Amino acid sequence: MQYRTLGRSGIKVSLLGLGTGGERRLGQTEGLSQEQQTAFVRKSLDLGINFFDTSEGYGQSEAILGEALKGVPRSSYVLATKWQHDGRQGADPLMTRGAQGMVDSLETSLKRLRTDHVEVLMFHGIHPGTYNTIFERFLPTMLRLKEQGKVRLTGFSERFPEDPAHTAAAMGVKQHPAQ
């Protein structure tokens, strides 16, 4: 497996990561048992994959991943999770969940993942039209969670079908390059 440093963090991540969303959501839609899901995660680790991407919005993926990683040395893998600012996939981005919603969501994610921190916490699916509002309203809370040691790095994901020009990503590089 090849590894790269994640940004300027010093964290080494495998070039191939295991995402727990998408259509199958770590086997949830296929009816896989926890034993099968754990075997899949453990095989990924055996192959050198150390980067796991999940989200509160991926069904039970965080809990499944937490169970699968039980007993694995925490220093041997990197966790990234996401916070859906409006609480719903594809919802009107009126930021229906306040800053306390982010704190509560992260606490729930940490319990599900069976850890006291994640390496990366991202705003999930930022749209260019709401980028500034989301960062103004919620970045201070995200940075406070970072100061508390619950999050090492912050960032955001985009939605390619809705932003094929990667406008939100360009905004992030320009406006928040070192968050």
Protein backbone atom coordinates (compact mmCIF):
# COMPACT_ATOMS: atom_id res chain seq x y z
CA MET A 1 0.00 0.00 0.00
CA GLN A 2 1.18 3.50 -0.73
CA TYR A 3 0.73 6.29 1.79
CA ARG A 4 0.68 10.07 1.63
CA THR A 5 0.69 12.79 4.22
CA LEU A 6 -2.76 14.27 4.73
CA GLY A 7 -2.27 17.94 3.93
CA ARG A 8 0.22 19.50 6.32
CA SER A 9 -0.96 17.37 9.25
CA GLY A 10 1.84 14.82 9.40
CA ILE A 11 -0.81 12.07 9.36
CA LYS A 12 0.04 9.26 6.95
CA VAL A 13 -2.99 7.86 5.14
CA SER A 14 -3.31 5.07 2.64
CA LEU A 15 -3.96 6.19 -0.93
CA LEU A 16 -6.93 3.85 -0.89
CA GLY A 17 -9.42 4.52 1.86
CA LEU A 18 -12.59 2.73 2.88
CA GLY A 19 -15.73 4.83 2.59
CA THR A 20 -18.77 3.66 4.51
CA GLY A 21 -21.44 5.56 2.58
CA GLY A 22 -22.52 5.26 -0.98
CA GLU A 23 -25.12 2.86 -2.19
CA ARG A 24 -24.12 -0.10 0.01
CA ARG A 25 -23.18 1.72 3.21
CA LEU A 26 -20.68 -0.86 4.41
CA GLY A 27 -23.01 -3.71 3.46
CA GLN A 28 -26.12 -2.40 5.22
CA THR A 29 -28.20 -2.40 2.06
CA GLU A 30 -27.00 -5.89 1.21
CA GLY A 31 -28.02 -7.33 4.56
CA LEU A 32 -24.49 -8.17 5.66
CA SER A 33 -24.11 -9.25 9.27
CA GLN A 34 -21.83 -7.41 11.67
CA GLU A 35 -19.49 -10.38 11.44
CA GLN A 36 -19.25 -9.98 7.65
CA GLN A 37 -18.83 -6.21 7.94
CA THR A 38 -16.11 -6.67 10.54
CA ALA A 39 -14.32 -9.17 8.31
CA PHE A 40 -14.42 -6.65 5.45
CA VAL A 41 -12.97 -3.86 7.62
CA ARG A 42 -10.31 -6.17 9.06
CA LYS A 43 -9.32 -7.36 5.56
CA SER A 44 -8.99 -3.71 4.55
CA LEU A 45 -6.63 -3.17 7.48
CA ASP A 46 -4.67 -6.30 6.53
CA LEU A 47 -4.24 -4.86 3.02
CA GLY A 48 -2.78 -1.66 4.50
CA ILE A 49 -5.84 0.58 4.33
CA ASN A 50 -5.76 2.89 7.32
CA PHE A 51 -8.19 5.65 6.29
CA PHE A 52 -11.89 5.24 7.05
CA ASP A 53 -14.45 7.80 5.93
CA THR A 54 -17.90 7.81 7.49
CA SER A 55 -20.75 10.11 8.42
CA GLU A 56 -23.64 10.41 10.81
CA GLY A 57 -25.86 10.28 7.72
CA TYR A 58 -24.73 6.85 6.51
CA GLY A 59 -27.25 4.77 8.41
CA GLN A 60 -25.48 2.67 11.04
CA SER A 61 -22.06 2.93 9.37
CA GLU A 62 -20.38 4.62 12.33
CA ALA A 63 -21.59 1.97 14.78
CA ILE A 64 -20.66 -0.84 12.39
CA LEU A 65 -17.20 0.63 11.90
CA GLY A 66 -16.75 1.17 15.63
CA GLU A 67 -17.59 -2.46 16.32
CA ALA A 68 -15.33 -3.66 13.50
CA LEU A 69 -12.39 -1.66 14.85
CA LYS A 70 -12.88 -2.83 18.44
CA GLY A 71 -9.55 -4.12 19.74
CA VAL A 72 -7.53 -2.59 16.89
CA PRO A 73 -4.87 -0.19 18.17
CA ARG A 74 -6.27 3.32 17.75
CA SER A 75 -2.96 4.59 16.40
CA SER A 76 -3.19 2.21 13.43
CA TYR A 77 -6.10 3.90 11.64
CA VAL A 78 -7.42 7.33 10.75
CA LEU A 79 -11.10 8.27 11.11
CA ALA A 80 -12.89 10.97 9.16
CA THR A 81 -16.53 11.73 9.79
CA LYS A 82 -18.89 14.40 8.57
CA TRP A 83 -21.56 16.62 10.07
CA GLN A 84 -24.68 17.34 8.05
CA HIS A 85 -25.50 20.93 8.98
CA ASP A 86 -29.18 20.62 8.07
CA GLY A 87 -29.68 17.12 9.41
CA ARG A 88 -31.05 15.72 6.18
CA GLN A 89 -29.50 14.55 2.96
CA GLY A 90 -30.39 17.01 0.21
CA ALA A 91 -32.43 19.27 2.50
CA ASP A 92 -32.88 22.97 1.96
CA PRO A 93 -29.71 24.36 3.56
CA LEU A 94 -31.39 26.61 6.10
CA MET A 95 -29.09 25.27 8.77
CA THR A 96 -31.90 23.83 10.81
CA ARG A 97 -29.43 22.36 13.28
CA GLY A 98 -27.59 24.87 15.43
CA ALA A 99 -24.03 24.77 16.69
CA GLN A 100 -25.10 22.61 19.64
CA GLY A 101 -26.34 20.14 17.02
CA MET A 102 -22.76 19.78 15.80
CA VAL A 103 -21.48 19.15 19.32
CA ASP A 104 -24.22 16.60 20.02
CA SER A 105 -23.69 14.93 16.68
CA LEU A 106 -19.94 14.58 17.22
CA GLU A 107 -20.48 13.15 20.70
CA THR A 108 -22.87 10.58 19.22
CA SER A 109 -20.38 9.79 16.45
CA LEU A 110 -17.57 9.30 18.96
CA LYS A 111 -19.72 6.88 20.96
CA ARG A 112 -20.67 4.95 17.84
CA LEU A 113 -17.06 4.85 16.66
CA ARG A 114 -15.89 3.84 20.15
CA THR A 115 -13.23 6.51 20.34
CA ASP A 116 -12.55 9.82 22.04
CA HIS A 117 -11.50 11.65 18.88
CA VAL A 118 -11.55 11.66 15.10
CA GLU A 119 -8.70 12.82 12.97
CA VAL A 120 -10.99 14.70 10.59
CA LEU A 121 -14.39 16.35 11.04
CA MET A 122 -15.94 17.78 7.90
CA PHE A 123 -18.97 19.81 7.00
CA HIS A 124 -20.87 17.41 4.75
CA GLY A 125 -21.82 18.42 1.23
CA ILE A 126 -21.17 22.16 1.19
CA HIS A 127 -22.90 24.13 -1.56
CA PRO A 128 -21.21 27.26 -2.96
CA GLY A 129 -24.27 29.37 -2.19
CA THR A 130 -24.19 28.49 1.51
CA TYR A 131 -20.43 28.15 2.01
CA ASN A 132 -19.92 31.53 3.70
CA THR A 133 -22.98 31.25 5.94
CA ILE A 134 -22.04 27.76 7.12
CA PHE A 135 -18.45 28.69 7.85
CA GLU A 136 -19.41 31.91 9.64
CA ARG A 137 -22.02 30.17 11.76
CA PHE A 138 -20.38 26.82 12.49
CA LEU A 139 -16.59 27.05 12.08
CA PRO A 140 -16.08 28.53 15.57
CA THR A 141 -17.78 25.47 17.09
CA MET A 142 -15.74 23.11 14.92
CA LEU A 143 -12.53 24.86 15.99
CA ARG A 144 -13.59 24.65 19.65
CA LEU A 145 -14.01 20.87 19.24
CA LYS A 146 -10.52 20.83 17.74
CA GLU A 147 -9.14 22.73 20.77
CA GLN A 148 -10.80 20.16 23.03
CA GLY A 149 -8.90 17.36 21.27
CA LYS A 150 -12.01 15.69 19.88
CA VAL A 151 -11.04 16.62 16.33
CA ARG A 152 -7.56 16.95 14.88
CA LEU A 153 -8.36 18.43 11.45
CA THR A 154 -11.33 20.23 9.97
CA GLY A 155 -12.62 20.41 6.45
CA PHE A 156 -15.61 19.88 4.23
CA SER A 157 -16.88 17.66 1.47
CA GLU A 158 -18.64 18.82 -1.66
CA ARG A 159 -21.42 17.44 -3.83
CA PHE A 160 -20.04 16.98 -7.31
CA PRO A 161 -23.41 16.54 -9.08
CA GLU A 162 -24.53 19.90 -7.70
CA ASP A 163 -21.15 21.62 -8.03
CA PRO A 164 -19.30 20.06 -10.99
CA ALA A 165 -17.03 23.10 -11.29
CA HIS A 166 -15.81 22.52 -7.69
CA THR A 167 -16.68 26.12 -6.80
CA ALA A 168 -17.03 25.29 -3.10
CA ALA A 169 -13.61 23.59 -3.07
CA ALA A 170 -12.05 26.67 -4.70
CA MET A 171 -13.70 28.86 -2.08
CA GLY A 172 -12.29 26.68 0.68
CA VAL A 173 -8.74 26.79 -0.66
CA LYS A 174 -8.94 30.56 -0.95
CA GLN A 175 -10.84 31.46 2.24
CA HIS A 176 -9.86 28.77 4.75
CA PRO A 177 -6.60 27.15 3.61
CA ALA A 178 -5.29 26.24 7.08
CA GLN A 179 -8.32 25.26 9.11
